[in-house]
């Protein structure tokens, strides 16, 4: 009898101590990467496709601590796009300089919040600023076209 009472008491404690999240599954949405095509302002040509610049000379520097920001360069079939996918995985403010051959091409400021709602995490971009250059943004493909003089 004592064993039955003890087993019932332990089961009761176990069941009342568990918290339900009411989630069937947890999900994570990756932050949208920043995609940049750098084009000559007068000709509209991609400056990597026309060999004005070489991708190996690209540097992205965090202006707050002088650290390097990770990026990728997509260069398949003359599709020469700079991609920064390291921003937005956490709540953060990033202020960085994109340089080629030690010349600053533009600066990028991002204020990102990493949020969780309905068992899913996602990134909300509060502010995105591109300075020191002209640019356009294509909402359909998510590419910023940076105009280089």
N, C-alpha and C. Protein backbone atom coordinates (compact mmCIF):
# COMPACT_ATOMS: atom_id res chain seq x y z
N UNK A 1 0.81 -1.19 0.00
CA UNK A 1 0.00 0.00 0.00
C UNK A 1 0.86 1.26 0.00
N UNK A 2 1.94 1.24 0.84
CA UNK A 2 2.83 2.39 0.89
C UNK A 2 3.51 2.62 -0.46
N UNK A 3 3.86 1.52 -1.13
CA UNK A 3 4.49 1.63 -2.44
C UNK A 3 3.54 2.25 -3.46
N UNK A 4 2.28 1.89 -3.40
CA UNK A 4 1.28 2.44 -4.31
C UNK A 4 1.08 3.93 -4.06
N UNK A 5 1.03 4.34 -2.81
CA UNK A 5 0.89 5.75 -2.47
C UNK A 5 2.12 6.54 -2.92
N UNK A 6 3.28 5.97 -2.69
CA UNK A 6 4.52 6.63 -3.10
C UNK A 6 4.59 6.76 -4.62
N UNK A 7 4.21 5.72 -5.34
CA UNK A 7 4.21 5.77 -6.80
C UNK A 7 3.20 6.80 -7.31
N UNK A 8 2.03 6.85 -6.69
CA UNK A 8 1.02 7.83 -7.08
C UNK A 8 1.51 9.24 -6.81
N UNK A 9 2.14 9.47 -5.67
CA UNK A 9 2.66 10.79 -5.30
C UNK A 9 3.75 11.22 -6.28
N UNK A 10 4.67 10.34 -6.63
CA UNK A 10 5.75 10.67 -7.57
C UNK A 10 5.18 10.97 -8.95
N UNK A 11 4.21 10.18 -9.39
CA UNK A 11 3.57 10.44 -10.68
C UNK A 11 2.87 11.79 -10.67
N UNK A 12 2.18 12.10 -9.59
CA UNK A 12 1.51 13.40 -9.48
C UNK A 12 2.52 14.54 -9.56
N UNK A 13 3.62 14.44 -8.84
CA UNK A 13 4.66 15.48 -8.88
C UNK A 13 5.23 15.63 -10.28
N UNK A 14 5.48 14.53 -10.94
CA UNK A 14 6.05 14.56 -12.29
C UNK A 14 5.10 15.26 -13.26
N UNK A 15 3.85 14.89 -13.22
CA UNK A 15 2.88 15.46 -14.15
C UNK A 15 2.61 16.93 -13.88
N UNK A 16 2.62 17.37 -12.64
CA UNK A 16 2.35 18.78 -12.34
C UNK A 16 3.58 19.65 -12.54
N UNK A 17 4.76 19.05 -12.58
CA UNK A 17 5.97 19.86 -12.76
C UNK A 17 6.31 20.08 -14.22
N UNK A 18 5.73 19.30 -15.10
CA UNK A 18 6.01 19.46 -16.53
C UNK A 18 5.20 20.62 -17.09
N UNK A 19 5.84 21.45 -17.85
CA UNK A 19 5.15 22.57 -18.47
C UNK A 19 4.98 22.28 -19.95
N UNK A 20 3.82 22.55 -20.44
CA UNK A 20 3.54 22.33 -21.86
C UNK A 20 3.79 23.63 -22.62
N UNK A 21 4.45 23.53 -23.75
CA UNK A 21 4.69 24.71 -24.59
C UNK A 21 3.60 24.87 -25.63
N UNK A 22 2.70 23.87 -25.71
CA UNK A 22 1.64 23.88 -26.71
C UNK A 22 2.19 24.00 -28.13
N UNK A 23 3.37 23.49 -28.33
CA UNK A 23 4.01 23.51 -29.65
C UNK A 23 4.05 22.10 -30.21
N UNK A 24 3.60 21.96 -31.42
CA UNK A 24 3.73 20.68 -32.08
C UNK A 24 5.17 20.47 -32.54
N UNK A 25 5.81 21.57 -32.93
CA UNK A 25 7.22 21.49 -33.29
C UNK A 25 7.81 22.89 -33.20
N UNK A 26 9.08 22.95 -32.91
CA UNK A 26 9.77 24.23 -32.88
C UNK A 26 10.30 24.53 -34.27
N UNK A 27 10.33 25.80 -34.64
CA UNK A 27 10.85 26.16 -35.96
C UNK A 27 11.75 27.37 -35.85
N UNK A 28 12.66 27.45 -36.76
CA UNK A 28 13.59 28.57 -36.84
C UNK A 28 13.63 29.06 -38.27
N UNK A 29 13.41 30.34 -38.44
CA UNK A 29 13.52 30.96 -39.75
C UNK A 29 14.85 31.68 -39.81
N UNK A 30 15.65 31.35 -40.81
CA UNK A 30 16.95 31.99 -40.96
C UNK A 30 16.76 33.46 -41.32
N UNK A 31 17.69 34.31 -40.87
CA UNK A 31 17.60 35.72 -41.28
C UNK A 31 17.81 35.84 -42.78
N UNK A 32 17.12 36.79 -43.38
CA UNK A 32 17.30 37.04 -44.81
C UNK A 32 18.72 37.55 -45.04
N UNK A 33 19.46 36.94 -45.96
CA UNK A 33 20.82 37.43 -46.22
C UNK A 33 20.78 38.76 -46.96
N UNK A 34 21.85 39.49 -46.85
CA UNK A 34 22.01 40.74 -47.59
C UNK A 34 22.77 40.43 -48.87
N UNK A 35 22.15 40.73 -50.02
CA UNK A 35 22.73 40.45 -51.33
C UNK A 35 23.03 41.77 -52.04
N UNK A 36 24.26 41.89 -52.55
CA UNK A 36 24.67 43.12 -53.21
C UNK A 36 25.27 42.82 -54.57
N UNK A 37 24.77 43.51 -55.58
CA UNK A 37 25.40 43.48 -56.89
C UNK A 37 26.02 44.86 -57.08
N UNK A 38 27.31 44.90 -57.36
CA UNK A 38 28.02 46.16 -57.55
C UNK A 38 28.15 46.42 -59.04
N UNK A 39 27.57 47.53 -59.50
CA UNK A 39 27.57 47.83 -60.93
C UNK A 39 28.16 49.21 -61.19
N UNK A 40 28.74 49.35 -62.36
CA UNK A 40 29.25 50.63 -62.82
C UNK A 40 28.04 51.54 -63.07
N UNK A 41 28.05 52.72 -62.47
CA UNK A 41 26.91 53.63 -62.56
C UNK A 41 26.62 54.05 -63.99
N UNK A 42 27.65 54.26 -64.79
CA UNK A 42 27.42 54.76 -66.16
C UNK A 42 27.07 53.66 -67.15
N UNK A 43 27.61 52.44 -66.99
CA UNK A 43 27.36 51.38 -67.96
C UNK A 43 26.33 50.35 -67.49
N UNK A 44 26.14 50.26 -66.17
CA UNK A 44 25.23 49.25 -65.63
C UNK A 44 25.84 47.86 -65.58
N UNK A 45 27.13 47.74 -65.90
CA UNK A 45 27.79 46.43 -65.88
C UNK A 45 28.25 46.08 -64.47
N UNK A 46 28.18 44.81 -64.16
CA UNK A 46 28.70 44.31 -62.90
C UNK A 46 30.22 44.51 -62.90
N UNK A 47 30.75 45.13 -61.84
CA UNK A 47 32.18 45.49 -61.81
C UNK A 47 33.10 44.28 -61.61
N UNK A 48 32.55 43.13 -61.27
CA UNK A 48 33.35 41.91 -61.18
C UNK A 48 33.29 41.16 -62.51
N UNK A 49 32.14 41.20 -63.17
CA UNK A 49 32.00 40.56 -64.47
C UNK A 49 32.88 41.25 -65.51
N UNK A 50 32.95 42.59 -65.45
CA UNK A 50 33.76 43.32 -66.44
C UNK A 50 35.22 43.49 -65.99
N UNK A 51 35.59 42.83 -64.89
CA UNK A 51 36.97 42.80 -64.38
C UNK A 51 37.49 44.15 -63.89
N UNK A 52 36.60 45.07 -63.53
CA UNK A 52 37.05 46.31 -62.89
C UNK A 52 37.65 45.99 -61.53
N UNK A 53 37.03 45.07 -60.82
CA UNK A 53 37.51 44.62 -59.50
C UNK A 53 37.60 43.10 -59.47
N UNK A 54 38.41 42.61 -58.53
CA UNK A 54 38.51 41.18 -58.28
C UNK A 54 37.93 40.89 -56.89
N UNK A 55 37.15 39.85 -56.81
CA UNK A 55 36.47 39.53 -55.56
C UNK A 55 37.44 39.21 -54.42
N UNK A 56 38.63 38.79 -54.72
CA UNK A 56 39.59 38.45 -53.66
C UNK A 56 40.03 39.67 -52.86
N UNK A 57 39.74 40.87 -53.35
CA UNK A 57 40.13 42.09 -52.65
C UNK A 57 38.99 42.70 -51.81
N UNK A 58 37.89 41.99 -51.69
CA UNK A 58 36.78 42.47 -50.88
C UNK A 58 37.10 42.25 -49.41
N UNK A 59 36.82 43.27 -48.60
CA UNK A 59 36.91 43.17 -47.14
C UNK A 59 35.67 43.84 -46.57
N UNK A 60 35.12 43.20 -45.55
CA UNK A 60 34.00 43.80 -44.83
C UNK A 60 34.43 43.90 -43.37
N UNK A 61 34.47 45.13 -42.88
CA UNK A 61 34.99 45.41 -41.54
C UNK A 61 33.89 45.97 -40.66
N UNK A 62 33.75 45.39 -39.46
CA UNK A 62 32.84 45.92 -38.46
C UNK A 62 33.48 47.19 -37.90
N UNK A 63 32.83 48.33 -38.08
CA UNK A 63 33.40 49.62 -37.69
C UNK A 63 33.45 49.81 -36.17
N UNK A 64 32.69 49.03 -35.42
CA UNK A 64 32.68 49.17 -33.97
C UNK A 64 33.89 48.53 -33.30
N UNK A 65 34.35 47.41 -33.84
CA UNK A 65 35.49 46.73 -33.21
C UNK A 65 36.60 46.33 -34.18
N UNK A 66 36.49 46.77 -35.43
CA UNK A 66 37.49 46.50 -36.48
C UNK A 66 37.63 45.02 -36.83
N UNK A 67 36.66 44.19 -36.43
CA UNK A 67 36.72 42.77 -36.78
C UNK A 67 36.18 42.58 -38.19
N UNK A 68 36.52 41.46 -38.77
CA UNK A 68 36.01 41.13 -40.11
C UNK A 68 34.63 40.53 -40.01
N UNK A 69 33.80 40.87 -40.98
CA UNK A 69 32.45 40.32 -41.08
C UNK A 69 32.49 39.23 -42.15
N UNK A 70 31.94 38.07 -41.82
CA UNK A 70 31.93 36.95 -42.78
C UNK A 70 30.99 37.25 -43.94
N UNK A 71 31.41 36.83 -45.13
CA UNK A 71 30.60 37.01 -46.32
C UNK A 71 30.95 35.92 -47.32
N UNK A 72 30.13 35.81 -48.35
CA UNK A 72 30.38 34.89 -49.46
C UNK A 72 30.33 35.69 -50.74
N UNK A 73 31.01 35.18 -51.75
CA UNK A 73 30.94 35.80 -53.07
C UNK A 73 30.42 34.73 -54.03
N UNK A 74 29.27 35.00 -54.63
CA UNK A 74 28.64 34.05 -55.55
C UNK A 74 29.04 34.44 -56.97
N UNK A 75 29.82 33.60 -57.61
CA UNK A 75 30.37 33.97 -58.93
C UNK A 75 30.12 32.90 -59.99
N UNK A 76 28.94 32.36 -60.00
CA UNK A 76 28.62 31.31 -60.95
C UNK A 76 27.92 31.90 -62.17
N UNK A 77 28.38 31.55 -63.37
CA UNK A 77 27.78 31.99 -64.63
C UNK A 77 27.64 33.52 -64.71
N UNK A 78 28.70 34.23 -64.36
CA UNK A 78 28.72 35.71 -64.36
C UNK A 78 27.68 36.32 -63.44
N UNK A 79 27.23 35.56 -62.47
CA UNK A 79 26.32 36.05 -61.44
C UNK A 79 27.19 36.42 -60.25
N UNK A 80 27.72 37.61 -60.26
CA UNK A 80 28.71 38.04 -59.27
C UNK A 80 28.03 38.88 -58.19
N UNK A 81 27.68 38.22 -57.10
CA UNK A 81 26.91 38.83 -56.02
C UNK A 81 27.66 38.65 -54.70
N UNK A 82 27.71 39.70 -53.92
CA UNK A 82 28.27 39.67 -52.58
C UNK A 82 27.13 39.33 -51.62
N UNK A 83 27.32 38.33 -50.76
CA UNK A 83 26.27 37.90 -49.85
C UNK A 83 26.78 37.92 -48.42
N UNK A 84 26.06 38.64 -47.55
CA UNK A 84 26.35 38.65 -46.12
C UNK A 84 25.19 37.94 -45.43
N UNK A 85 25.48 36.76 -44.89
CA UNK A 85 24.41 35.98 -44.24
C UNK A 85 24.67 35.81 -42.75
N UNK A 86 25.66 36.52 -42.22
CA UNK A 86 26.00 36.38 -40.80
C UNK A 86 25.27 37.37 -39.91
N UNK A 87 24.49 38.27 -40.49
CA UNK A 87 23.78 39.29 -39.71
C UNK A 87 22.36 38.82 -39.41
N UNK A 88 21.92 39.04 -38.17
CA UNK A 88 20.53 38.76 -37.81
C UNK A 88 20.30 37.45 -37.09
N UNK A 89 21.33 36.71 -36.79
CA UNK A 89 21.17 35.46 -36.05
C UNK A 89 20.93 35.73 -34.56
N UNK A 90 21.20 36.98 -34.15
CA UNK A 90 20.97 37.40 -32.78
C UNK A 90 20.53 38.87 -32.80
N UNK A 91 20.03 39.35 -31.70
CA UNK A 91 19.71 40.76 -31.60
C UNK A 91 21.03 41.52 -31.61
N UNK A 92 21.16 42.44 -32.56
CA UNK A 92 22.44 43.13 -32.70
C UNK A 92 22.30 44.38 -33.56
N UNK A 93 23.27 45.26 -33.42
CA UNK A 93 23.42 46.40 -34.31
C UNK A 93 24.79 46.24 -34.96
N UNK A 94 24.80 46.24 -36.28
CA UNK A 94 26.02 46.09 -37.05
C UNK A 94 26.23 47.35 -37.88
N UNK A 95 27.43 47.86 -37.83
CA UNK A 95 27.82 49.00 -38.63
C UNK A 95 29.11 48.61 -39.32
N UNK A 96 29.07 48.39 -40.63
CA UNK A 96 30.27 47.87 -41.29
C UNK A 96 30.59 48.64 -42.57
N UNK A 97 31.83 48.49 -42.97
CA UNK A 97 32.35 49.11 -44.18
C UNK A 97 32.68 48.02 -45.18
N UNK A 98 32.19 48.18 -46.40
CA UNK A 98 32.49 47.23 -47.47
C UNK A 98 33.56 47.90 -48.33
N UNK A 99 34.72 47.24 -48.41
CA UNK A 99 35.87 47.80 -49.10
C UNK A 99 36.34 46.86 -50.21
N UNK A 100 36.87 47.47 -51.26
CA UNK A 100 37.56 46.72 -52.30
C UNK A 100 38.87 47.45 -52.55
N UNK A 101 39.96 46.70 -52.54
CA UNK A 101 41.30 47.30 -52.70
C UNK A 101 41.51 48.43 -51.69
N UNK A 102 41.04 48.24 -50.47
CA UNK A 102 41.16 49.22 -49.38
C UNK A 102 40.41 50.53 -49.63
N UNK A 103 39.56 50.58 -50.65
CA UNK A 103 38.70 51.74 -50.90
C UNK A 103 37.30 51.41 -50.42
N UNK A 104 36.77 52.28 -49.57
CA UNK A 104 35.42 52.05 -49.08
C UNK A 104 34.42 52.27 -50.21
N UNK A 105 33.60 51.25 -50.48
CA UNK A 105 32.59 51.32 -51.52
C UNK A 105 31.28 51.84 -50.93
N UNK A 106 30.91 51.33 -49.75
CA UNK A 106 29.73 51.81 -49.04
C UNK A 106 29.77 51.31 -47.62
N UNK A 107 28.89 51.88 -46.78
CA UNK A 107 28.73 51.39 -45.41
C UNK A 107 27.33 50.81 -45.27
N UNK A 108 27.23 49.83 -44.38
CA UNK A 108 25.97 49.15 -44.11
C UNK A 108 25.71 49.20 -42.62
N UNK A 109 24.53 49.69 -42.25
CA UNK A 109 24.09 49.73 -40.86
C UNK A 109 22.84 48.87 -40.75
N UNK A 110 22.84 47.95 -39.79
CA UNK A 110 21.68 47.07 -39.59
C UNK A 110 21.37 47.00 -38.11
N UNK A 111 20.10 47.24 -37.78
CA UNK A 111 19.59 47.06 -36.42
C UNK A 111 18.62 45.89 -36.50
N UNK A 112 19.01 44.75 -35.91
CA UNK A 112 18.23 43.52 -36.02
C UNK A 112 17.81 43.01 -34.65
N UNK A 113 16.58 42.53 -34.56
CA UNK A 113 16.08 41.87 -33.35
C UNK A 113 15.79 40.42 -33.70
N UNK A 114 16.31 39.50 -32.89
CA UNK A 114 15.98 38.09 -33.02
C UNK A 114 14.83 37.82 -32.07
N UNK A 115 13.68 37.41 -32.60
CA UNK A 115 12.46 37.26 -31.83
C UNK A 115 11.96 35.83 -31.86
N UNK A 116 11.07 35.52 -30.93
CA UNK A 116 10.44 34.21 -30.89
C UNK A 116 8.96 34.42 -30.63
N UNK A 117 8.15 33.77 -31.44
CA UNK A 117 6.70 33.90 -31.32
C UNK A 117 6.06 32.63 -31.85
N UNK A 118 5.06 32.15 -31.16
CA UNK A 118 4.35 30.93 -31.58
C UNK A 118 5.31 29.78 -31.86
N UNK A 119 6.30 29.63 -30.98
CA UNK A 119 7.27 28.52 -31.04
C UNK A 119 8.25 28.65 -32.21
N UNK A 120 8.29 29.79 -32.86
CA UNK A 120 9.20 29.99 -33.99
C UNK A 120 10.08 31.21 -33.73
N UNK A 121 11.34 31.10 -34.11
CA UNK A 121 12.24 32.25 -34.01
C UNK A 121 12.46 32.83 -35.40
N UNK A 122 12.61 34.15 -35.44
CA UNK A 122 12.79 34.86 -36.71
C UNK A 122 13.50 36.18 -36.43
N UNK A 123 13.91 36.85 -37.48
CA UNK A 123 14.61 38.13 -37.36
C UNK A 123 13.74 39.25 -37.88
N UNK A 124 13.69 40.32 -37.12
CA UNK A 124 13.00 41.54 -37.54
C UNK A 124 14.09 42.61 -37.73
N UNK A 125 14.16 43.16 -38.93
CA UNK A 125 15.11 44.24 -39.19
C UNK A 125 14.42 45.57 -38.90
N UNK A 126 14.86 46.24 -37.85
CA UNK A 126 14.28 47.53 -37.46
C UNK A 126 14.74 48.65 -38.38
N UNK A 127 16.01 48.59 -38.79
CA UNK A 127 16.55 49.62 -39.65
C UNK A 127 17.70 49.06 -40.47
N UNK A 128 17.71 49.42 -41.74
CA UNK A 128 18.79 49.06 -42.66
C UNK A 128 19.15 50.34 -43.40
N UNK A 129 20.41 50.73 -43.31
CA UNK A 129 20.87 51.94 -44.00
C UNK A 129 22.12 51.61 -44.82
N UNK A 130 22.13 52.08 -46.04
CA UNK A 130 23.31 51.99 -46.91
C UNK A 130 23.72 53.42 -47.21
N UNK A 131 24.95 53.76 -46.84
CA UNK A 131 25.44 55.12 -47.02
C UNK A 131 26.67 55.16 -47.92
N UNK A 132 26.96 56.36 -48.40
CA UNK A 132 28.14 56.67 -49.21
C UNK A 132 28.07 56.12 -50.62
N UNK A 133 26.88 55.82 -51.10
CA UNK A 133 26.70 55.35 -52.46
C UNK A 133 25.24 55.47 -52.86
N UNK A 134 24.98 55.45 -54.16
CA UNK A 134 23.62 55.32 -54.65
C UNK A 134 23.29 53.85 -54.78
N UNK A 135 22.03 53.50 -54.65
CA UNK A 135 21.65 52.09 -54.78
C UNK A 135 20.16 51.99 -55.09
N UNK A 136 19.77 50.81 -55.56
CA UNK A 136 18.37 50.46 -55.70
C UNK A 136 18.17 49.13 -55.00
N UNK A 137 16.93 48.83 -54.66
CA UNK A 137 16.61 47.56 -54.01
C UNK A 137 15.48 46.89 -54.77
N UNK A 138 15.70 45.63 -55.15
CA UNK A 138 14.69 44.84 -55.85
C UNK A 138 14.01 43.93 -54.82
N UNK A 139 12.75 44.21 -54.49
CA UNK A 139 12.03 43.42 -53.49
C UNK A 139 11.77 41.99 -53.95
N UNK A 140 11.69 41.77 -55.24
CA UNK A 140 11.39 40.43 -55.75
C UNK A 140 12.53 39.45 -55.49
N UNK A 141 13.79 39.89 -55.73
CA UNK A 141 14.91 38.97 -55.54
C UNK A 141 15.77 39.32 -54.33
N UNK A 142 15.48 40.44 -53.64
CA UNK A 142 16.21 40.81 -52.44
C UNK A 142 17.61 41.33 -52.67
N UNK A 143 17.90 41.79 -53.89
CA UNK A 143 19.25 42.26 -54.22
C UNK A 143 19.31 43.78 -54.20
N UNK A 144 20.31 44.28 -53.47
CA UNK A 144 20.65 45.70 -53.49
C UNK A 144 21.64 45.89 -54.62
N UNK A 145 21.33 46.78 -55.57
CA UNK A 145 22.26 47.11 -56.64
C UNK A 145 22.99 48.38 -56.23
N UNK A 146 24.28 48.24 -56.00
CA UNK A 146 25.13 49.34 -55.55
C UNK A 146 25.75 49.99 -56.79
N UNK A 147 25.58 51.30 -56.88
CA UNK A 147 26.08 52.04 -58.04
C UNK A 147 27.47 52.60 -57.75
N UNK A 148 28.43 52.20 -58.59
CA UNK A 148 29.82 52.61 -58.40
C UNK A 148 30.20 53.61 -59.48
N UNK A 149 30.77 54.72 -59.07
CA UNK A 149 31.19 55.75 -60.05
C UNK A 149 32.60 55.48 -60.54
